[in-house]
Amino acid sequence: MFIAMNRFKIKPGHEQDFIDIWKGRDSYLHTVPGFKEFHLLQGPSNDDFTLFSSHATWESRDDFEAWTKSEAFRKAHASAGSRKDIYMGPPQLECFEVVL
């Protein structure tokens, strides 16, 4: 298995805006071979930001990479920059091979 996570730093007071963006979007993940599950995680807050992470589990790295090159990926991310005002910079991608 393979896990792809994006960390997002969201400006204070915009946490629900961020959650609503994710609730309202169609990710098209269910149409992509190798996709297993997705979770949006809310982490700690401080005076500067609240940490969120998107967590997607895939059968393999190859399946994840195929997703990033697919039409479904382009559709899912078509409006990704529409609310730049709530982010403290771009997301940080972290990828992991499951070893146990």
PDB file of N, CA and C in Angstrom:
ATOM      1  N   MET A   1       0.827  -1.184   0.000  1.00  0.00           N
ATOM      2  CA  MET A   1       0.000   0.000   0.000  1.00  0.00           C
ATOM      3  C   MET A   1       0.872   1.250   0.000  1.00  0.00           C
ATOM      4  N   PHE A   2       0.239   2.342  -0.361  1.00  0.00           N
ATOM      5  CA  PHE A   2       0.920   3.631  -0.474  1.00  0.00           C
ATOM      6  C   PHE A   2      -0.010   4.708   0.083  1.00  0.00           C
ATOM      7  N   ILE A   3       0.554   5.654   0.838  1.00  0.00           N
ATOM      8  CA  ILE A   3      -0.235   6.740   1.413  1.00  0.00           C
ATOM      9  C   ILE A   3       0.324   8.076   0.933  1.00  0.00           C
ATOM     10  N   ALA A   4      -0.568   8.910   0.424  1.00  0.00           N
ATOM     11  CA  ALA A   4      -0.212  10.264   0.003  1.00  0.00           C
ATOM     12  C   ALA A   4      -0.947  11.246   0.899  1.00  0.00           C
ATOM     13  N   MET A   5      -0.185  12.160   1.507  1.00  0.00           N
ATOM     14  CA  MET A   5      -0.775  13.145   2.419  1.00  0.00           C
ATOM     15  C   MET A   5      -0.337  14.540   2.002  1.00  0.00           C
ATOM     16  N   ASN A   6      -1.263  15.467   2.057  1.00  0.00           N
ATOM     17  CA  ASN A   6      -0.947  16.877   1.857  1.00  0.00           C
ATOM     18  C   ASN A   6      -1.230  17.601   3.163  1.00  0.00           C
ATOM     19  N   ARG A   7      -0.262  18.390   3.622  1.00  0.00           N
ATOM     20  CA  ARG A   7      -0.454  19.216   4.816  1.00  0.00           C
ATOM     21  C   ARG A   7      -0.839  20.618   4.380  1.00  0.00           C
ATOM     22  N   PHE A   8      -1.874  21.142   5.021  1.00  0.00           N
ATOM     23  CA  PHE A   8      -2.373  22.477   4.721  1.00  0.00           C
ATOM     24  C   PHE A   8      -2.329  23.310   5.996  1.00  0.00           C
ATOM     25  N   LYS A   9      -1.811  24.517   5.902  1.00  0.00           N
ATOM     26  CA  LYS A   9      -1.850  25.468   7.005  1.00  0.00           C
ATOM     27  C   LYS A   9      -2.919  26.499   6.661  1.00  0.00           C
ATOM     28  N   ILE A  10      -3.977  26.515   7.482  1.00  0.00           N
ATOM     29  CA  ILE A  10      -5.149  27.349   7.219  1.00  0.00           C
ATOM     30  C   ILE A  10      -5.199  28.497   8.221  1.00  0.00           C
ATOM     31  N   LYS A  11      -5.455  29.691   7.703  1.00  0.00           N
ATOM     32  CA  LYS A  11      -5.507  30.881   8.560  1.00  0.00           C
ATOM     33  C   LYS A  11      -6.598  30.734   9.615  1.00  0.00           C
ATOM     34  N   PRO A  12      -6.320  31.218  10.839  1.00  0.00           N
ATOM     35  CA  PRO A  12      -7.318  31.156  11.909  1.00  0.00           C
ATOM     36  C   PRO A  12      -8.646  31.790  11.478  1.00  0.00           C
ATOM     37  N   GLY A  13      -9.732  31.121  11.849  1.00  0.00           N
ATOM     38  CA  GLY A  13     -11.062  31.612  11.508  1.00  0.00           C
ATOM     39  C   GLY A  13     -11.593  31.086  10.183  1.00  0.00           C
ATOM     40  N   HIS A  14     -10.758  30.360   9.418  1.00  0.00           N
ATOM     41  CA  HIS A  14     -11.182  29.847   8.114  1.00  0.00           C
ATOM     42  C   HIS A  14     -11.242  28.320   8.074  1.00  0.00           C
ATOM     43  N   GLU A  15     -11.223  27.702   9.236  1.00  0.00           N
ATOM     44  CA  GLU A  15     -11.247  26.246   9.295  1.00  0.00           C
ATOM     45  C   GLU A  15     -12.507  25.667   8.652  1.00  0.00           C
ATOM     46  N   GLN A  16     -13.648  26.230   8.975  1.00  0.00           N
ATOM     47  CA  GLN A  16     -14.890  25.706   8.417  1.00  0.00           C
ATOM     48  C   GLN A  16     -14.973  25.964   6.913  1.00  0.00           C
ATOM     49  N   ASP A  17     -14.435  27.086   6.450  1.00  0.00           N
ATOM     50  CA  ASP A  17     -14.372  27.348   5.004  1.00  0.00           C
ATOM     51  C   ASP A  17     -13.610  26.227   4.307  1.00  0.00           C
ATOM     52  N   PHE A  18     -12.469  25.856   4.878  1.00  0.00           N
ATOM     53  CA  PHE A  18     -11.641  24.807   4.299  1.00  0.00           C
ATOM     54  C   PHE A  18     -12.384  23.469   4.289  1.00  0.00           C
ATOM     55  N   ILE A  19     -13.013  23.138   5.393  1.00  0.00           N
ATOM     56  CA  ILE A  19     -13.775  21.888   5.474  1.00  0.00           C
ATOM     57  C   ILE A  19     -14.899  21.891   4.444  1.00  0.00           C
ATOM     58  N   ASP A  20     -15.588  23.005   4.310  1.00  0.00           N
ATOM     59  CA  ASP A  20     -16.696  23.094   3.350  1.00  0.00           C
ATOM     60  C   ASP A  20     -16.218  22.943   1.909  1.00  0.00           C
ATOM     61  N   ILE A  21     -15.037  23.474   1.605  1.00  0.00           N
ATOM     62  CA  ILE A  21     -14.473  23.297   0.260  1.00  0.00           C
ATOM     63  C   ILE A  21     -14.311  21.817  -0.030  1.00  0.00           C
ATOM     64  N   TRP A  22     -13.766  21.082   0.910  1.00  0.00           N
ATOM     65  CA  TRP A  22     -13.552  19.642   0.725  1.00  0.00           C
ATOM     66  C   TRP A  22     -14.868  18.883   0.674  1.00  0.00           C
ATOM     67  N   LYS A  23     -15.832  19.269   1.485  1.00  0.00           N
ATOM     68  CA  LYS A  23     -17.144  18.604   1.474  1.00  0.00           C
ATOM     69  C   LYS A  23     -17.848  18.807   0.146  1.00  0.00           C
ATOM     70  N   GLY A  24     -17.671  19.990  -0.460  1.00  0.00           N
ATOM     71  CA  GLY A  24     -18.398  20.338  -1.666  1.00  0.00           C
ATOM     72  C   GLY A  24     -17.762  19.916  -2.972  1.00  0.00           C
ATOM     73  N   ARG A  25     -16.539  19.426  -2.926  1.00  0.00           N
ATOM     74  CA  ARG A  25     -15.871  19.090  -4.183  1.00  0.00           C
ATOM     75  C   ARG A  25     -16.052  17.629  -4.538  1.00  0.00           C
ATOM     76  N   ASP A  26     -16.017  17.346  -5.811  1.00  0.00           N
ATOM     77  CA  ASP A  26     -16.023  15.957  -6.276  1.00  0.00           C
ATOM     78  C   ASP A  26     -14.591  15.599  -6.594  1.00  0.00           C
ATOM     79  N   SER A  27     -14.048  14.656  -5.862  1.00  0.00           N
ATOM     80  CA  SER A  27     -12.639  14.286  -6.028  1.00  0.00           C
ATOM     81  C   SER A  27     -12.428  13.326  -7.197  1.00  0.00           C
ATOM     82  N   TYR A  28     -13.460  12.649  -7.628  1.00  0.00           N
ATOM     83  CA  TYR A  28     -13.391  11.641  -8.672  1.00  0.00           C
ATOM     84  C   TYR A  28     -12.527  10.458  -8.277  1.00  0.00           C
ATOM     85  N   LEU A  29     -12.107  10.381  -7.021  1.00  0.00           N
ATOM     86  CA  LEU A  29     -11.235   9.284  -6.581  1.00  0.00           C
ATOM     87  C   LEU A  29     -11.897   7.926  -6.772  1.00  0.00           C
ATOM     88  N   HIS A  30     -13.196   7.860  -6.571  1.00  0.00           N
ATOM     89  CA  HIS A  30     -13.901   6.584  -6.683  1.00  0.00           C
ATOM     90  C   HIS A  30     -13.823   5.995  -8.097  1.00  0.00           C
ATOM     91  N   THR A  31     -13.409   6.788  -9.080  1.00  0.00           N
ATOM     92  CA  THR A  31     -13.325   6.312 -10.467  1.00  0.00           C
ATOM     93  C   THR A  31     -11.919   5.847 -10.826  1.00  0.00           C
ATOM     94  N   VAL A  32     -10.963   5.972  -9.907  1.00  0.00           N
ATOM     95  CA  VAL A  32      -9.559   5.731 -10.225  1.00  0.00           C
ATOM     96  C   VAL A  32      -9.115   4.364  -9.715  1.00  0.00           C
ATOM     97  N   PRO A  33      -8.528   3.533 -10.594  1.00  0.00           N
ATOM     98  CA  PRO A  33      -8.028   2.228 -10.154  1.00  0.00           C
ATOM     99  C   PRO A  33      -6.970   2.363  -9.055  1.00  0.00           C
ATOM    100  N   GLY A  34      -7.073   1.511  -8.056  1.00  0.00           N
ATOM    101  CA  GLY A  34      -6.088   1.473  -6.987  1.00  0.00           C
ATOM    102  C   GLY A  34      -6.407   2.343  -5.790  1.00  0.00           C
ATOM    103  N   PHE A  35      -7.411   3.209  -5.894  1.00  0.00           N
ATOM    104  CA  PHE A  35      -7.782   4.056  -4.762  1.00  0.00           C
ATOM    105  C   PHE A  35      -8.483   3.216  -3.714  1.00  0.00           C
ATOM    106  N   LYS A  36      -8.112   3.404  -2.431  1.00  0.00           N
ATOM    107  CA  LYS A  36      -8.722   2.644  -1.345  1.00  0.00           C
ATOM    108  C   LYS A  36      -9.592   3.513  -0.440  1.00  0.00           C
ATOM    109  N   GLU A  37      -9.020   4.598   0.124  1.00  0.00           N
ATOM    110  CA  GLU A  37      -9.812   5.437   1.015  1.00  0.00           C
ATOM    111  C   GLU A  37      -9.191   6.815   1.170  1.00  0.00           C
ATOM    112  N   PHE A  38     -10.032   7.741   1.646  1.00  0.00           N
ATOM    113  CA  PHE A  38      -9.610   9.123   1.838  1.00  0.00           C
ATOM    114  C   PHE A  38     -10.130   9.625   3.181  1.00  0.00           C
ATOM    115  N   HIS A  39      -9.307  10.445   3.846  1.00  0.00           N
ATOM    116  CA  HIS A  39      -9.725  11.123   5.069  1.00  0.00           C
ATOM    117  C   HIS A  39      -9.162  12.540   5.054  1.00  0.00           C
ATOM    118  N   LEU A  40      -9.934  13.482   5.564  1.00  0.00           N
ATOM    119  CA  LEU A  40      -9.442  14.833   5.810  1.00  0.00           C
ATOM    120  C   LEU A  40      -9.278  14.959   7.316  1.00  0.00           C
ATOM    121  N   LEU A  41      -8.074  15.275   7.752  1.00  0.00           N
ATOM    122  CA  LEU A  41      -7.738  15.318   9.172  1.00  0.00           C
ATOM    123  C   LEU A  41      -7.518  16.751   9.621  1.00  0.00           C
ATOM    124  N   GLN A  42      -8.087  17.098  10.779  1.00  0.00           N
ATOM    125  CA  GLN A  42      -7.846  18.414  11.365  1.00  0.00           C
ATOM    126  C   GLN A  42      -6.904  18.222  12.537  1.00  0.00           C
ATOM    127  N   GLY A  43      -5.810  18.984  12.520  1.00  0.00           N
ATOM    128  CA  GLY A  43      -4.799  18.881  13.553  1.00  0.00           C
ATOM    129  C   GLY A  43      -4.843  20.051  14.512  1.00  0.00           C
ATOM    130  N   PRO A  44      -3.716  20.312  15.143  1.00  0.00           N
ATOM    131  CA  PRO A  44      -3.658  21.370  16.148  1.00  0.00           C
ATOM    132  C   PRO A  44      -3.742  22.772  15.533  1.00  0.00           C
ATOM    133  N   SER A  45      -4.151  23.709  16.372  1.00  0.00           N
ATOM    134  CA  SER A  45      -4.199  25.127  16.011  1.00  0.00           C
ATOM    135  C   SER A  45      -3.220  25.887  16.876  1.00  0.00           C
ATOM    136  N   ASN A  46      -2.691  26.975  16.322  1.00  0.00           N
ATOM    137  CA  ASN A  46      -1.906  27.922  17.104  1.00  0.00           C
ATOM    138  C   ASN A  46      -2.330  29.329  16.661  1.00  0.00           C
ATOM    139  N   ASP A  47      -1.608  30.336  17.091  1.00  0.00           N
ATOM    140  CA  ASP A  47      -1.995  31.711  16.737  1.00  0.00           C
ATOM    141  C   ASP A  47      -1.870  31.992  15.244  1.00  0.00           C
ATOM    142  N   ASP A  48      -1.043  31.209  14.534  1.00  0.00           N
ATOM    143  CA  ASP A  48      -0.760  31.473  13.127  1.00  0.00           C
ATOM    144  C   ASP A  48      -1.619  30.666  12.150  1.00  0.00           C
ATOM    145  N   PHE A  49      -1.953  29.420  12.496  1.00  0.00           N
ATOM    146  CA  PHE A  49      -2.676  28.558  11.564  1.00  0.00           C
ATOM    147  C   PHE A  49      -3.258  27.341  12.273  1.00  0.00           C
ATOM    148  N   THR A  50      -4.173  26.662  11.559  1.00  0.00           N
ATOM    149  CA  THR A  50      -4.656  25.335  11.941  1.00  0.00           C
ATOM    150  C   THR A  50      -4.135  24.366  10.898  1.00  0.00           C
ATOM    151  N   LEU A  51      -3.603  23.255  11.360  1.00  0.00           N
ATOM    152  CA  LEU A  51      -3.045  22.243  10.467  1.00  0.00           C
ATOM    153  C   LEU A  51      -4.130  21.262  10.045  1.00  0.00           C
ATOM    154  N   PHE A  52      -4.210  21.015   8.754  1.00  0.00           N
ATOM    155  CA  PHE A  52      -5.070  19.970   8.188  1.00  0.00           C
ATOM    156  C   PHE A  52      -4.203  19.061   7.333  1.00  0.00           C
ATOM    157  N   SER A  53      -4.672  17.835   7.146  1.00  0.00           N
ATOM    158  CA  SER A  53      -3.974  16.929   6.251  1.00  0.00           C
ATOM    159  C   SER A  53      -4.997  16.106   5.473  1.00  0.00           C
ATOM    160  N   SER A  54      -4.795  16.018   4.168  1.00  0.00           N
ATOM    161  CA  SER A  54      -5.570  15.080   3.372  1.00  0.00           C
ATOM    162  C   SER A  54      -4.780  13.770   3.361  1.00  0.00           C
ATOM    163  N   HIS A  55      -5.469  12.655   3.498  1.00  0.00           N
ATOM    164  CA  HIS A  55      -4.836  11.353   3.675  1.00  0.00           C
ATOM    165  C   HIS A  55      -5.502  10.368   2.722  1.00  0.00           C
ATOM    166  N   ALA A  56      -4.808   9.992   1.659  1.00  0.00           N
ATOM    167  CA  ALA A  56      -5.366   9.058   0.681  1.00  0.00           C
ATOM    168  C   ALA A  56      -4.534   7.777   0.673  1.00  0.00           C
ATOM    169  N   THR A  57      -5.226   6.651   0.710  1.00  0.00           N
ATOM    170  CA  THR A  57      -4.570   5.346   0.682  1.00  0.00           C
ATOM    171  C   THR A  57      -4.802   4.719  -0.689  1.00  0.00           C
ATOM    172  N   TRP A  58      -3.711   4.189  -1.226  1.00  0.00           N
ATOM    173  CA  TRP A  58      -3.702   3.599  -2.566  1.00  0.00           C
ATOM    174  C   TRP A  58      -3.146   2.182  -2.504  1.00  0.00           C
ATOM    175  N   GLU A  59      -3.495   1.392  -3.489  1.00  0.00           N
ATOM    176  CA  GLU A  59      -2.938   0.040  -3.593  1.00  0.00           C
ATOM    177  C   GLU A  59      -1.420   0.096  -3.797  1.00  0.00           C
ATOM    178  N   SER A  60      -0.954   1.097  -4.580  1.00  0.00           N
ATOM    179  CA  SER A  60       0.480   1.182  -4.884  1.00  0.00           C
ATOM    180  C   SER A  60       0.859   2.617  -5.255  1.00  0.00           C
ATOM    181  N   ARG A  61       2.148   2.885  -5.238  1.00  0.00           N
ATOM    182  CA  ARG A  61       2.668   4.182  -5.697  1.00  0.00           C
ATOM    183  C   ARG A  61       2.293   4.400  -7.165  1.00  0.00           C
ATOM    184  N   ASP A  62       2.379   3.341  -7.964  1.00  0.00           N
ATOM    185  CA  ASP A  62       2.032   3.462  -9.385  1.00  0.00           C
ATOM    186  C   ASP A  62       0.589   3.924  -9.571  1.00  0.00           C
ATOM    187  N   ASP A  63      -0.324   3.399  -8.741  1.00  0.00           N
ATOM    188  CA  ASP A  63      -1.729   3.828  -8.833  1.00  0.00           C
ATOM    189  C   ASP A  63      -1.866   5.309  -8.491  1.00  0.00           C
ATOM    190  N   PHE A  64      -1.170   5.752  -7.437  1.00  0.00           N
ATOM    191  CA  PHE A  64      -1.212   7.162  -7.062  1.00  0.00           C
ATOM    192  C   PHE A  64      -0.653   8.034  -8.188  1.00  0.00           C
ATOM    193  N   GLU A  65       0.481   7.658  -8.739  1.00  0.00           N
ATOM    194  CA  GLU A  65       1.092   8.449  -9.807  1.00  0.00           C
ATOM    195  C   GLU A  65       0.208   8.494 -11.046  1.00  0.00           C
ATOM    196  N   ALA A  66      -0.470   7.391 -11.350  1.00  0.00           N
ATOM    197  CA  ALA A  66      -1.407   7.389 -12.481  1.00  0.00           C
ATOM    198  C   ALA A  66      -2.546   8.378 -12.220  1.00  0.00           C
ATOM    199  N   TRP A  67      -3.031   8.447 -10.979  1.00  0.00           N
ATOM    200  CA  TRP A  67      -4.070   9.411 -10.594  1.00  0.00           C
ATOM    201  C   TRP A  67      -3.613  10.829 -10.867  1.00  0.00           C
ATOM    202  N   THR A  68      -2.361  11.156 -10.514  1.00  0.00           N
ATOM    203  CA  THR A  68      -1.881  12.528 -10.675  1.00  0.00           C
ATOM    204  C   THR A  68      -1.752  12.931 -12.142  1.00  0.00           C
ATOM    205  N   LYS A  69      -1.768  11.971 -13.039  1.00  0.00           N
ATOM    206  CA  LYS A  69      -1.659  12.260 -14.472  1.00  0.00           C
ATOM    207  C   LYS A  69      -2.992  12.097 -15.198  1.00  0.00           C
ATOM    208  N   SER A  70      -4.057  11.843 -14.442  1.00  0.00           N
ATOM    209  CA  SER A  70      -5.350  11.518 -15.046  1.00  0.00           C
ATOM    210  C   SER A  70      -6.238  12.745 -15.257  1.00  0.00           C
ATOM    211  N   GLU A  71      -7.236  12.559 -16.092  1.00  0.00           N
ATOM    212  CA  GLU A  71      -8.254  13.583 -16.295  1.00  0.00           C
ATOM    213  C   GLU A  71      -9.045  13.795 -15.007  1.00  0.00           C
ATOM    214  N   ALA A  72      -9.266  12.735 -14.254  1.00  0.00           N
ATOM    215  CA  ALA A  72      -9.979  12.848 -12.974  1.00  0.00           C
ATOM    216  C   ALA A  72      -9.225  13.778 -12.026  1.00  0.00           C
ATOM    217  N   PHE A  73      -7.908  13.694 -11.996  1.00  0.00           N
ATOM    218  CA  PHE A  73      -7.088  14.578 -11.153  1.00  0.00           C
ATOM    219  C   PHE A  73      -7.254  16.032 -11.593  1.00  0.00           C
ATOM    220  N   ARG A  74      -7.185  16.273 -12.896  1.00  0.00           N
ATOM    221  CA  ARG A  74      -7.341  17.640 -13.407  1.00  0.00           C
ATOM    222  C   ARG A  74      -8.715  18.204 -13.043  1.00  0.00           C
ATOM    223  N   LYS A  75      -9.757  17.399 -13.176  1.00  0.00           N
ATOM    224  CA  LYS A  75     -11.098  17.856 -12.818  1.00  0.00           C
ATOM    225  C   LYS A  75     -11.201  18.155 -11.325  1.00  0.00           C
ATOM    226  N   ALA A  76     -10.652  17.279 -10.494  1.00  0.00           N
ATOM    227  CA  ALA A  76     -10.752  17.438  -9.043  1.00  0.00           C
ATOM    228  C   ALA A  76     -10.016  18.674  -8.545  1.00  0.00           C
ATOM    229  N   HIS A  77      -8.972  19.087  -9.257  1.00  0.00           N
ATOM    230  CA  HIS A  77      -8.159  20.219  -8.823  1.00  0.00           C
ATOM    231  C   HIS A  77      -8.395  21.489  -9.648  1.00  0.00           C
ATOM    232  N   ALA A  78      -9.431  21.487 -10.476  1.00  0.00           N
ATOM    233  CA  ALA A  78      -9.691  22.615 -11.371  1.00  0.00           C
ATOM    234  C   ALA A  78      -9.880  23.937 -10.629  1.00  0.00           C
ATOM    235  N   SER A  79     -10.486  23.903  -9.449  1.00  0.00           N
ATOM    236  CA  SER A  79     -10.724  25.148  -8.719  1.00  0.00           C
ATOM    237  C   SER A  79      -9.879  25.228  -7.447  1.00  0.00           C
ATOM    238  N   ALA A  80      -8.769  24.523  -7.410  1.00  0.00           N
ATOM    239  CA  ALA A  80      -7.937  24.436  -6.201  1.00  0.00           C
ATOM    240  C   ALA A  80      -7.429  25.792  -5.725  1.00  0.00           C
ATOM    241  N   GLY A  81      -7.182  26.724  -6.613  1.00  0.00           N
ATOM    242  CA  GLY A  81      -6.644  28.018  -6.209  1.00  0.00           C
ATOM    243  C   GLY A  81      -7.675  29.098  -5.969  1.00  0.00           C
ATOM    244  N   SER A  82      -8.944  28.736  -5.951  1.00  0.00           N
ATOM    245  CA  SER A  82      -9.990  29.759  -5.876  1.00  0.00           C
ATOM    246  C   SER A  82     -10.085  30.450  -4.514  1.00  0.00           C
ATOM    247  N   ARG A  83      -9.557  29.861  -3.461  1.00  0.00           N
ATOM    248  CA  ARG A  83      -9.622  30.469  -2.124  1.00  0.00           C
ATOM    249  C   ARG A  83      -8.225  30.583  -1.508  1.00  0.00           C
ATOM    250  N   LYS A  84      -7.279  31.066  -2.271  1.00  0.00           N
ATOM    251  CA  LYS A  84      -5.905  31.202  -1.791  1.00  0.00           C
ATOM    252  C   LYS A  84      -5.804  32.047  -0.525  1.00  0.00           C
ATOM    253  N   ASP A  85      -6.812  32.895  -0.295  1.00  0.00           N
ATOM    254  CA  ASP A  85      -6.783  33.800   0.853  1.00  0.00           C
ATOM    255  C   ASP A  85      -6.842  33.082   2.194  1.00  0.00           C
ATOM    256  N   ILE A  86      -7.252  31.814   2.240  1.00  0.00           N
ATOM    257  CA  ILE A  86      -7.361  31.109   3.523  1.00  0.00           C
ATOM    258  C   ILE A  86      -6.129  30.262   3.846  1.00  0.00           C
ATOM    259  N   TYR A  87      -5.209  30.150   2.896  1.00  0.00           N
ATOM    260  CA  TYR A  87      -4.025  29.296   3.060  1.00  0.00           C
ATOM    261  C   TYR A  87      -2.803  30.099   3.499  1.00  0.00           C
ATOM    262  N   MET A  88      -1.978  29.475   4.308  1.00  0.00           N
ATOM    263  CA  MET A  88      -0.680  30.045   4.701  1.00  0.00           C
ATOM    264  C   MET A  88       0.397  29.375   3.831  1.00  0.00           C
ATOM    265  N   GLY A  89       0.294  29.537   2.536  1.00  0.00           N
ATOM    266  CA  GLY A  89       1.238  28.924   1.610  1.00  0.00           C
ATOM    267  C   GLY A  89       0.674  27.671   0.970  1.00  0.00           C
ATOM    268  N   PRO A  90       1.437  27.085   0.060  1.00  0.00           N
ATOM    269  CA  PRO A  90       0.978  25.900  -0.673  1.00  0.00           C
ATOM    270  C   PRO A  90       0.985  24.660   0.220  1.00  0.00           C
ATOM    271  N   PRO A  91       0.212  23.642  -0.160  1.00  0.00           N
ATOM    272  CA  PRO A  91       0.241  22.395   0.615  1.00  0.00           C
ATOM    273  C   PRO A  91       1.596  21.705   0.468  1.00  0.00           C
ATOM    274  N   GLN A  92       1.913  20.881   1.455  1.00  0.00           N
ATOM    275  CA  GLN A  92       3.157  20.112   1.429  1.00  0.00           C
ATOM    276  C   GLN A  92       2.813  18.641   1.273  1.00  0.00           C
ATOM    277  N   LEU A  93       3.243  18.058   0.162  1.00  0.00           N
ATOM    278  CA  LEU A  93       2.979  16.649  -0.120  1.00  0.00           C
ATOM    279  C   LEU A  93       3.974  15.768   0.628  1.00  0.00           C
ATOM    280  N   GLU A  94       3.442  14.726   1.270  1.00  0.00           N
ATOM    281  CA  GLU A  94       4.260  13.720   1.937  1.00  0.00           C
ATOM    282  C   GLU A  94       3.762  12.350   1.475  1.00  0.00           C
ATOM    283  N   CYS A  95       4.666  11.502   1.016  1.00  0.00           N
ATOM    284  CA  CYS A  95       4.288  10.187   0.508  1.00  0.00           C
ATOM    285  C   CYS A  95       4.998   9.097   1.297  1.00  0.00           C
ATOM    286  N   PHE A  96       4.268   7.991   1.527  1.00  0.00           N
ATOM    287  CA  PHE A  96       4.776   6.908   2.351  1.00  0.00           C
ATOM    288  C   PHE A  96       4.445   5.548   1.742  1.00  0.00           C
ATOM    289  N   GLU A  97       5.425   4.658   1.732  1.00  0.00           N
ATOM    290  CA  GLU A  97       5.192   3.255   1.427  1.00  0.00           C
ATOM    291  C   GLU A  97       4.842   2.570   2.736  1.00  0.00           C
ATOM    292  N   VAL A  98       3.794   1.783   2.756  1.00  0.00           N
ATOM    293  CA  VAL A  98       3.412   1.046   3.958  1.00  0.00           C
ATOM    294  C   VAL A  98       4.345  -0.148   4.086  1.00  0.00           C
ATOM    295  N   VAL A  99       5.008  -0.256   5.219  1.00  0.00           N
ATOM    296  CA  VAL A  99       5.976  -1.344   5.416  1.00  0.00           C
ATOM    297  C   VAL A  99       5.482  -2.405   6.416  1.00  0.00           C
ATOM    298  N   LEU A 100       4.503  -2.067   7.227  1.00  0.00           N
ATOM    299  CA  LEU A 100       3.902  -3.044   8.158  1.00  0.00           C
ATOM    300  C   LEU A 100       2.396  -2.928   8.107  1.00  0.00           C
TER     301      LEU A 100
END
